[in-house]
Amino acid sequence: MTREVNFDGLVGPTHNYAGLSHGNVASLTHRGAVSRPREAALQGLAKMKALADLGLPQAILPPHERPDIAALRAFGFSGRREADLLAAAAKQAPALLAAACSASAMWVANAATLTPSSDSADGRVHFTPANLASKLHRSLEPAQTARSLRAIFHSEKHFAHHPPVPGAQGFGDEGAANHTRLAPSAAHRGLHVYVYGHRALAHPAEAPRLRFPSRQALEASEAVARAHGLPARQAAFVQQAPAAIDAGVFHNDVISVGNDDCLLHHEKAFARGPRAIAELKAAYARLHRGRELVAVRVPARRVSLADAVRSYLFNTQLVTLAPGRMALVAPAECREIKAVSAYLDDLIADPANPISELHVFNLRESMRNGGGPACLRLRVTLSAEERAALPPGVWINDQSYPRLVEWVKKHYRETLAPRDLADPRLLEESRRALDALTKLLGLGNIYPFQS
């Protein structure tokens, strides 16, 4: 049986609030605050276990090694002792040290874009790591992301891995955060919706005038679809509304979310509004012999763009728990903002849409750093044979969950202040933690320090 698997990113030991992401309102708001890495990781694990208990296949993607010593060396810092290198970076370029310590790889919706075997030309699941070229701290991630994906999805019979799209100026690719697959069920062929903010090869005069930069290029999305062998009739390219980007919608998954044949979206999500939705409905109907795409439009009079961003209403996970049983997995902030909470009550009570349940989780640490439930997971559609080809240790279940909780409590600091990033003991602690984690997950040596 083909199922969608949620692969959640595990929060790393250097989880901190450096405010590195211009355009991400929550990230900028909490810049310099003291973070709680242990609590952040436990919050993420609790959500994973809860979804597994609801019957959803749930697996894990490991953190990246941070601080990134190789990156600091590439920026010209040197020294026989890594402690000296960290001290020099803290003194001479603290912003570079913060970038090298970012735990943003936890938001694995940006890890890659994938195409299931049911949609690809060669019948394999295809992965392309995002180049994340728009932000320095995130541009350090693709190499390790590729190593992790290859270690988990290692069967060449079932899985194909591509290099990131070249990250030239303007050719940003932010992964699955700007991609949605719509289909009657996971087993059906899907309509792949790629949302972009700009055209990298457009004349400058044609570019949208933005307060915050667009991160996804149309050409990057087209390159991924092309590399994966996706048929043209299964690909739709939709432009994000410039006003949404300027409101802090840095990725499309902050303003719309899709699952099966349902698309929940804010009325100001897309540049051409109702026309874009009409074209998606038509493409979906052509692919699925007249079947209707249920487009649930959230009006601005009910939920403003500002409230959508503050609550991460659309950065929820929209999941199918059983046939005819669709649920939203939302952060607690959705209940704390009156307009959003009221809208959700009406949404769940309305029989005209397929969303009938709401599950709320405390993900405060991730939310304060700019990522909600949808940011924390990469959706991977897999057949039973493909699932069986994965390392058993990556699954979240009654046996693995307590071991991972114990691992976090043993290795993670309770609090982390910006000044702690230069502490060489943090690097040592992180490496010990990751070395133990790769053994728990059965991934082998995936980090450079292990070689």
Protein backbone atom coordinates (compact mmCIF):
# COMPACT_ATOMS: atom_id res chain seq x y z
CA MET A 1 0.00 0.00 0.00
CA THR A 2 1.34 3.42 -0.95
CA ARG A 3 1.44 5.85 1.98
CA GLU A 4 2.71 9.34 2.62
CA VAL A 5 5.47 9.34 5.24
CA ASN A 6 6.29 12.40 7.31
CA PHE A 7 10.05 12.68 7.76
CA ASP A 8 10.52 15.24 10.53
CA GLY A 9 13.76 17.09 11.10
CA LEU A 10 15.20 16.60 14.57
CA VAL A 11 16.18 19.90 16.18
CA GLY A 12 19.96 20.13 16.55
CA PRO A 13 22.01 20.74 19.71
CA THR A 14 22.91 24.30 18.62
CA HIS A 15 19.28 25.47 18.30
CA ASN A 16 19.64 29.23 18.76
CA TYR A 17 17.99 32.55 17.92
CA ALA A 18 20.45 34.37 15.69
CA GLY A 19 17.79 36.09 13.57
CA LEU A 20 19.54 35.19 10.34
CA SER A 21 16.52 35.00 8.05
CA HIS A 22 15.56 38.37 6.59
CA GLY A 23 11.92 38.14 5.58
CA ASN A 24 11.04 35.68 8.35
CA VAL A 25 9.18 37.80 10.92
CA ALA A 26 9.44 35.37 13.82
CA SER A 27 13.16 34.81 13.25
CA LEU A 28 13.87 38.54 13.29
CA THR A 29 11.61 39.20 16.27
CA HIS A 30 13.46 36.79 18.59
CA ARG A 31 16.98 37.61 17.49
CA GLY A 32 19.47 37.32 20.36
CA ALA A 33 17.09 35.63 22.79
CA VAL A 34 18.15 32.65 24.88
CA SER A 35 16.98 29.39 23.29
CA ARG A 36 16.16 26.02 24.84
CA PRO A 37 17.63 23.27 22.62
CA ARG A 38 16.55 20.36 24.83
CA GLU A 39 12.97 21.57 25.00
CA ALA A 40 12.93 22.27 21.26
CA ALA A 41 14.02 18.74 20.39
CA LEU A 42 11.58 17.16 22.85
CA GLN A 43 8.71 19.25 21.48
CA GLY A 44 9.49 18.03 17.97
CA LEU A 45 9.77 14.40 19.07
CA ALA A 46 6.48 14.62 20.97
CA LYS A 47 4.71 15.77 17.79
CA MET A 48 6.28 12.94 15.80
CA LYS A 49 5.16 10.33 18.33
CA ALA A 50 1.65 11.76 18.54
CA LEU A 51 1.23 11.56 14.75
CA ALA A 52 2.62 8.03 14.73
CA ASP A 53 0.07 7.12 17.41
CA LEU A 54 -2.66 8.53 15.13
CA GLY A 55 -1.62 5.92 12.56
CA LEU A 56 0.55 8.08 10.29
CA PRO A 57 3.88 6.65 9.11
CA GLN A 58 6.46 8.83 10.86
CA ALA A 59 10.22 8.88 10.43
CA ILE A 60 13.14 11.13 11.25
CA LEU A 61 15.85 13.12 9.47
CA PRO A 62 18.98 13.79 11.58
CA PRO A 63 20.41 17.24 12.41
CA HIS A 64 23.47 18.66 10.73
CA GLU A 65 26.84 19.06 12.43
CA ARG A 66 27.11 22.52 13.94
CA PRO A 67 29.22 24.57 14.33
CA ASP A 68 30.24 23.99 10.70
CA ILE A 69 34.02 24.06 11.06
CA ALA A 70 34.61 23.46 7.35
CA ALA A 71 32.57 26.56 6.53
CA LEU A 72 34.56 28.68 8.99
CA ARG A 73 37.79 27.44 7.44
CA ALA A 74 36.43 28.35 4.02
CA PHE A 75 35.89 31.87 5.34
CA GLY A 76 39.60 32.09 6.16
CA PHE A 77 39.71 31.16 9.84
CA SER A 78 42.52 28.80 10.72
CA GLY A 79 44.31 27.23 13.64
CA ARG A 80 45.53 23.87 14.80
CA ARG A 81 42.95 23.84 17.54
CA GLU A 82 39.28 24.21 16.66
CA ALA A 83 38.84 26.15 19.91
CA ASP A 84 41.16 28.85 18.56
CA LEU A 85 39.28 28.95 15.29
CA LEU A 86 35.95 29.42 17.09
CA ALA A 87 37.41 32.15 19.29
CA ALA A 88 38.77 34.00 16.26
CA ALA A 89 35.44 33.79 14.46
CA ALA A 90 33.57 35.05 17.53
CA LYS A 91 35.91 38.03 17.81
CA GLN A 92 36.36 38.95 14.15
CA ALA A 93 33.08 37.92 12.48
CA PRO A 94 30.35 36.91 14.94
CA ALA A 95 27.76 36.96 12.14
CA LEU A 96 29.71 34.28 10.27
CA LEU A 97 29.98 32.21 13.44
CA ALA A 98 26.20 32.50 13.89
CA ALA A 99 25.66 31.29 10.33
CA ALA A 100 27.98 28.34 10.93
CA CYS A 101 26.04 27.43 14.09
CA SER A 102 22.52 27.73 12.67
CA ALA A 103 20.28 24.77 13.39
CA SER A 104 17.94 25.73 10.53
CA ALA A 105 18.37 22.30 8.91
CA MET A 106 15.67 21.19 11.36
CA TRP A 107 13.15 22.67 8.90
CA VAL A 108 13.33 19.81 6.43
CA ALA A 109 10.47 21.11 4.31
CA ASN A 110 13.40 22.98 2.76
CA ALA A 111 15.65 19.93 2.54
CA ALA A 112 14.61 18.77 -0.92
CA THR A 113 11.88 18.41 -3.52
CA LEU A 114 10.84 14.89 -4.41
CA THR A 115 8.75 13.06 -6.96
CA PRO A 116 7.15 9.70 -6.02
CA SER A 117 7.75 6.60 -8.10
CA SER A 118 4.13 6.71 -9.32
CA ASP A 119 4.85 10.03 -11.06
CA SER A 120 8.45 9.74 -12.27
CA ALA A 121 9.56 8.56 -15.70
CA ASP A 122 11.66 5.62 -14.42
CA GLY A 123 9.41 4.43 -11.59
CA ARG A 124 11.78 5.51 -8.82
CA VAL A 125 11.43 8.12 -6.09
CA HIS A 126 13.51 11.15 -7.09
CA PHE A 127 15.17 13.60 -4.68
CA THR A 128 16.78 16.97 -5.40
CA PRO A 129 18.28 18.75 -2.38
CA ALA A 130 17.36 22.44 -2.26
CA ASN A 131 20.24 24.80 -2.97
CA LEU A 132 18.94 27.34 -0.42
CA ALA A 133 21.05 29.92 -2.19
CA SER A 134 19.20 32.95 -0.85
CA LYS A 135 20.57 32.71 2.72
CA LEU A 136 24.19 32.13 3.73
CA HIS A 137 23.40 29.98 6.77
CA ARG A 138 21.09 27.76 4.77
CA SER A 139 23.38 27.53 1.74
CA LEU A 140 25.72 25.50 4.00
CA GLU A 141 23.16 22.68 4.20
CA PRO A 142 22.83 20.94 0.79
CA ALA A 143 25.94 18.75 1.02
CA GLN A 144 24.95 17.23 4.36
CA THR A 145 21.32 16.99 3.30
CA ALA A 146 22.42 14.96 0.29
CA ARG A 147 24.53 12.63 2.49
CA SER A 148 21.63 12.08 4.88
CA LEU A 149 19.11 11.42 2.11
CA ARG A 150 21.44 8.98 0.38
CA ALA A 151 22.03 7.12 3.65
CA ILE A 152 18.30 6.74 4.33
CA PHE A 153 17.06 6.26 0.75
CA HIS A 154 20.02 4.14 -0.27
CA SER A 155 18.48 1.56 -2.59
CA GLU A 156 19.36 2.41 -6.20
CA LYS A 157 16.50 0.16 -7.29
CA HIS A 158 13.98 2.42 -5.60
CA PHE A 159 15.56 5.86 -5.24
CA ALA A 160 17.32 8.38 -7.50
CA HIS A 161 19.33 11.32 -6.16
CA HIS A 162 20.10 14.50 -8.10
CA PRO A 163 22.48 17.36 -7.31
CA PRO A 164 20.98 20.70 -6.26
CA VAL A 165 20.03 23.18 -8.97
CA PRO A 166 23.07 25.47 -9.54
CA GLY A 167 22.71 28.35 -7.12
CA ALA A 168 23.60 31.26 -9.38
CA GLN A 169 22.26 34.69 -8.50
CA GLY A 170 18.48 34.56 -8.42
CA PHE A 171 18.25 30.78 -8.96
CA GLY A 172 17.12 29.97 -5.43
CA ASP A 173 15.41 26.66 -4.75
CA GLU A 174 13.84 26.28 -1.30
CA GLY A 175 12.60 22.72 -1.67
CA ALA A 176 9.25 21.23 -0.74
CA ALA A 177 8.19 24.37 1.17
CA ASN A 178 7.22 25.73 -2.26
CA HIS A 179 5.82 22.48 -3.63
CA THR A 180 2.52 20.66 -3.11
CA ARG A 181 1.35 17.37 -4.58
CA LEU A 182 -2.40 17.02 -5.09
CA ALA A 183 -4.06 13.65 -5.80
CA PRO A 184 -7.17 11.70 -4.76
CA SER A 185 -4.87 9.62 -2.55
CA ALA A 186 -1.17 8.89 -2.13
CA ALA A 187 -1.48 5.97 -4.54
CA HIS A 188 -2.81 8.07 -7.44
CA ARG A 189 -0.80 10.11 -9.89
CA GLY A 190 -0.37 13.62 -8.57
CA LEU A 191 -0.59 17.17 -9.83
CA HIS A 192 2.63 18.83 -8.67
CA VAL A 193 2.14 22.50 -7.83
CA TYR A 194 5.39 24.49 -7.82
CA VAL A 195 5.07 27.98 -6.37
CA TYR A 196 7.67 30.58 -7.28
CA GLY A 197 8.27 34.20 -6.39
CA HIS A 198 10.23 35.45 -9.38
CA ARG A 199 11.72 34.57 -12.75
CA ALA A 200 15.50 34.46 -12.53
CA LEU A 201 15.96 35.19 -16.25
CA ALA A 202 13.39 37.96 -16.49
CA HIS A 203 14.43 41.50 -17.35
CA PRO A 204 14.99 43.51 -14.13
CA ALA A 205 12.15 45.83 -15.09
CA GLU A 206 9.77 42.86 -14.99
CA ALA A 207 10.76 41.75 -11.48
CA PRO A 208 8.27 42.36 -8.66
CA ARG A 209 9.18 45.22 -6.33
CA LEU A 210 9.57 43.63 -2.93
CA ARG A 211 10.39 44.67 0.61
CA PHE A 212 11.61 41.14 1.33
CA PRO A 213 13.40 39.11 -1.35
CA SER A 214 11.71 36.26 -3.18
CA ARG A 215 13.49 32.97 -2.52
CA GLN A 216 12.12 30.63 -5.20
CA ALA A 217 12.86 30.99 -8.90
CA LEU A 218 10.53 29.62 -11.56
CA GLU A 219 13.53 28.28 -13.45
CA ALA A 220 14.70 26.29 -10.42
CA SER A 221 11.28 24.66 -10.04
CA GLU A 222 11.22 23.83 -13.75
CA ALA A 223 14.68 22.28 -13.49
CA VAL A 224 13.59 19.98 -10.66
CA ALA A 225 10.46 18.81 -12.52
CA ARG A 226 12.55 18.23 -15.63
CA ALA A 227 15.25 16.23 -13.81
CA HIS A 228 12.64 14.02 -12.16
CA GLY A 229 11.00 13.10 -15.45
CA LEU A 230 7.65 14.54 -14.41
CA PRO A 231 5.15 14.65 -17.30
CA ALA A 232 4.16 18.18 -18.31
CA ARG A 233 0.47 17.58 -17.61
CA GLN A 234 1.35 16.77 -13.98
CA ALA A 235 3.22 20.02 -13.34
CA ALA A 236 1.69 23.42 -12.58
CA PHE A 237 3.75 26.56 -11.90
CA VAL A 238 2.04 29.29 -9.90
CA GLN A 239 3.43 32.66 -8.86
CA GLN A 240 3.30 33.74 -5.24
CA ALA A 241 1.65 37.10 -4.53
CA PRO A 242 4.27 39.83 -3.95
CA ALA A 243 2.10 41.29 -1.18
CA ALA A 244 2.26 37.96 0.64
CA ILE A 245 6.06 37.87 0.42
CA ASP A 246 6.24 41.38 1.83
CA ALA A 247 3.96 40.35 4.70
CA GLY A 248 6.52 37.73 5.79
CA VAL A 249 5.39 34.77 3.66
CA PHE A 250 8.91 33.70 2.81
CA HIS A 251 7.76 30.26 1.62
CA ASN A 252 4.47 29.18 0.09
CA ASP A 253 3.83 26.77 2.97
CA VAL A 254 3.26 29.82 5.17
CA ILE A 255 0.20 30.79 3.11
CA SER A 256 -1.22 27.54 1.65
CA VAL A 257 -1.19 23.81 2.37
CA GLY A 258 -2.48 20.90 0.30
CA ASN A 259 -3.29 17.26 0.93
CA ASP A 260 -4.95 14.66 -1.28
CA ASP A 261 -7.54 16.63 -3.30
CA CYS A 262 -7.81 19.57 -0.87
CA LEU A 263 -5.95 22.89 -1.08
CA LEU A 264 -6.32 25.23 1.89
CA HIS A 265 -5.13 28.69 0.87
CA HIS A 266 -5.36 32.34 1.81
CA GLU A 267 -7.14 34.49 -0.75
CA LYS A 268 -3.95 36.57 -1.14
CA ALA A 269 -1.60 33.60 -1.56
CA PHE A 270 -1.17 33.72 -5.34
CA ALA A 271 -0.37 36.52 -7.74
CA ARG A 272 -3.39 35.90 -9.99
CA GLY A 273 -5.76 34.93 -7.19
CA PRO A 274 -8.99 33.26 -8.38
CA ARG A 275 -7.62 32.77 -11.88
CA ALA A 276 -4.68 30.74 -10.55
CA ILE A 277 -7.04 28.55 -8.52
CA ALA A 278 -9.32 28.06 -11.55
CA GLU A 279 -6.35 26.90 -13.62
CA LEU A 280 -5.27 24.46 -10.90
CA LYS A 281 -8.79 23.06 -10.73
CA ALA A 282 -8.87 22.61 -14.50
CA ALA A 283 -5.46 20.88 -14.54
CA TYR A 284 -6.55 18.59 -11.71
CA ALA A 285 -9.80 17.70 -13.47
CA ARG A 286 -7.94 16.88 -16.71
CA LEU A 287 -5.54 14.60 -14.85
CA HIS A 288 -8.23 12.83 -12.83
CA ARG A 289 -11.09 12.54 -15.33
CA GLY A 290 -13.27 15.33 -14.04
CA ARG A 291 -12.66 14.85 -10.33
CA GLU A 292 -12.89 18.14 -8.46
CA LEU A 293 -10.07 19.77 -6.52
CA VAL A 294 -11.51 21.18 -3.28
CA ALA A 295 -9.98 24.63 -2.93
CA VAL A 296 -10.74 26.02 0.53
CA ARG A 297 -10.26 29.79 0.37
CA VAL A 298 -9.58 31.68 3.60
CA PRO A 299 -10.79 35.28 3.16
CA ALA A 300 -8.68 38.18 4.40
CA ARG A 301 -11.68 39.58 6.26
CA ARG A 302 -11.53 36.47 8.49
CA VAL A 303 -7.76 36.04 8.74
CA SER A 304 -5.42 38.87 7.80
CA LEU A 305 -2.05 38.21 6.22
CA ALA A 306 -0.43 39.43 9.44
CA ASP A 307 -2.43 36.96 11.55
CA ALA A 308 -1.74 34.15 9.09
CA VAL A 309 1.99 34.76 9.50
CA ARG A 310 1.88 35.21 13.29
CA SER A 311 -0.16 32.05 13.84
CA TYR A 312 1.28 29.92 11.02
CA LEU A 313 -2.27 28.86 10.22
CA PHE A 314 -1.13 27.58 6.82
CA ASN A 315 2.13 26.11 8.10
CA THR A 316 0.01 23.39 9.61
CA GLN A 317 0.23 19.80 8.45
CA LEU A 318 -2.84 18.72 6.52
CA VAL A 319 -3.00 14.93 6.80
CA THR A 320 -5.31 12.02 6.03
CA LEU A 321 -5.77 9.87 9.12
CA ALA A 322 -8.14 7.44 7.36
CA PRO A 323 -10.37 7.51 4.26
CA GLY A 324 -12.73 10.45 4.70
CA ARG A 325 -10.88 11.67 7.81
CA MET A 326 -8.65 14.68 7.20
CA ALA A 327 -7.02 16.68 9.99
CA LEU A 328 -5.00 19.83 10.55
CA VAL A 329 -1.94 19.60 12.79
CA ALA A 330 -1.50 23.13 14.11
CA PRO A 331 0.80 25.04 16.47
CA ALA A 332 -0.63 26.34 19.75
CA GLU A 333 -0.36 29.89 18.41
CA CYS A 334 -3.39 29.20 16.22
CA ARG A 335 -5.50 29.02 19.37
CA GLU A 336 -3.93 32.14 20.87
CA ILE A 337 -4.96 34.52 18.08
CA LYS A 338 -8.70 35.11 18.34
CA ALA A 339 -9.49 35.53 14.64
CA VAL A 340 -7.53 32.42 13.66
CA SER A 341 -9.04 30.30 16.42
CA ALA A 342 -12.56 31.35 15.43
CA TYR A 343 -11.89 30.58 11.78
CA LEU A 344 -10.57 27.11 12.63
CA ASP A 345 -13.68 26.32 14.66
CA ASP A 346 -15.84 27.25 11.67
CA LEU A 347 -13.60 25.31 9.27
CA ILE A 348 -13.82 22.08 11.25
CA ALA A 349 -17.59 22.44 11.70
CA ASP A 350 -18.26 23.04 8.00
CA PRO A 351 -19.24 19.81 6.18
CA ALA A 352 -18.58 21.46 2.82
CA ASN A 353 -14.84 20.80 3.15
CA PRO A 354 -13.04 17.53 3.96
CA ILE A 355 -11.13 18.87 7.01
CA SER A 356 -12.89 17.51 10.09
CA GLU A 357 -10.29 17.44 12.90
CA LEU A 358 -7.80 19.76 14.56
CA HIS A 359 -4.78 18.61 16.58
CA VAL A 360 -2.81 21.33 18.38
CA PHE A 361 0.81 21.03 19.53
CA ASN A 362 3.23 23.14 21.51
CA LEU A 363 6.15 23.84 19.17
CA ARG A 364 7.07 27.12 20.79
CA GLU A 365 10.83 26.83 20.32
CA SER A 366 10.54 26.16 16.60
CA MET A 367 7.85 28.81 16.17
CA ARG A 368 9.96 31.47 17.89
CA ASN A 369 12.72 30.75 15.40
CA GLY A 370 10.39 30.95 12.41
CA GLY A 371 9.16 27.44 11.63
CA GLY A 372 5.89 25.66 12.34
CA PRO A 373 4.67 22.06 11.97
CA ALA A 374 4.90 22.03 8.18
CA CYS A 375 8.44 23.44 8.22
CA LEU A 376 9.55 20.53 10.38
CA ARG A 377 8.58 17.77 7.97
CA LEU A 378 9.38 16.48 4.50
CA ARG A 379 6.51 14.55 2.92
CA VAL A 380 7.68 11.41 1.11
CA THR A 381 5.19 9.19 -0.72
CA LEU A 382 6.40 5.58 -0.64
CA SER A 383 5.10 2.16 -1.61
CA ALA A 384 5.29 -0.71 0.88
CA GLU A 385 8.36 -2.08 -0.91
CA GLU A 386 10.05 1.32 -0.81
CA ARG A 387 9.31 1.71 2.90
CA ALA A 388 10.79 -1.72 3.56
CA ALA A 389 14.04 -0.59 1.92
CA LEU A 390 14.69 2.08 4.59
CA PRO A 391 16.88 1.60 7.67
CA PRO A 392 14.58 0.39 10.46
CA GLY A 393 16.04 2.86 12.94
CA VAL A 394 14.58 5.95 11.24
CA TRP A 395 10.98 5.07 12.14
CA ILE A 396 9.27 6.65 15.14
CA ASN A 397 7.47 4.01 17.20
CA ASP A 398 7.03 2.76 20.76
CA GLN A 399 10.57 1.39 20.81
CA SER A 400 12.52 4.22 19.17
CA TYR A 401 10.77 7.17 20.80
CA PRO A 402 11.93 6.60 24.41
CA ARG A 403 15.47 5.95 23.17
CA LEU A 404 15.50 9.25 21.29
CA VAL A 405 14.06 11.14 24.27
CA GLU A 406 16.78 9.67 26.46
CA TRP A 407 19.39 10.65 23.85
CA VAL A 408 18.18 14.26 23.81
CA LYS A 409 18.15 14.52 27.60
CA LYS A 410 21.69 13.17 27.76
CA HIS A 411 23.27 15.33 25.06
CA TYR A 412 21.38 18.63 24.76
CA ARG A 413 21.87 21.77 26.79
CA GLU A 414 18.88 23.21 28.58
CA THR A 415 19.62 26.77 27.42
CA LEU A 416 21.85 28.40 24.82
CA ALA A 417 22.77 32.08 24.63
CA PRO A 418 24.48 33.73 21.62
CA ARG A 419 27.80 33.90 23.48
CA ASP A 420 27.73 30.10 23.92
CA LEU A 421 28.23 29.51 20.19
CA ALA A 422 31.99 30.09 20.58
CA ASP A 423 32.27 27.53 23.38
CA PRO A 424 34.42 24.65 22.02
CA ARG A 425 32.64 22.30 24.40
CA LEU A 426 29.44 22.86 22.38
CA LEU A 427 31.17 21.47 19.30
CA GLU A 428 32.41 18.46 21.27
CA GLU A 429 28.96 17.87 22.77
CA SER A 430 27.30 18.11 19.37
CA ARG A 431 29.68 15.62 17.79
CA ARG A 432 29.21 13.12 20.59
CA ALA A 433 25.47 13.51 20.21
CA LEU A 434 25.47 13.02 16.45
CA ASP A 435 27.85 10.07 16.64
CA ALA A 436 25.46 8.36 19.06
CA LEU A 437 22.44 9.30 16.94
CA THR A 438 23.76 7.75 13.74
CA LYS A 439 24.14 4.48 15.66
CA LEU A 440 20.58 4.73 16.98
CA LEU A 441 19.23 5.36 13.48
CA GLY A 442 21.50 2.81 11.79
CA LEU A 443 22.82 5.28 9.22
CA GLY A 444 26.56 4.62 9.40
CA ASN A 445 29.05 7.48 9.19
CA ILE A 446 27.28 10.38 7.48
CA TYR A 447 29.19 13.32 9.00
CA PRO A 448 32.67 14.48 7.93
CA PHE A 449 33.97 14.30 11.51
CA GLN A 450 33.17 10.56 11.54
CA SER A 451 35.38 9.74 8.56
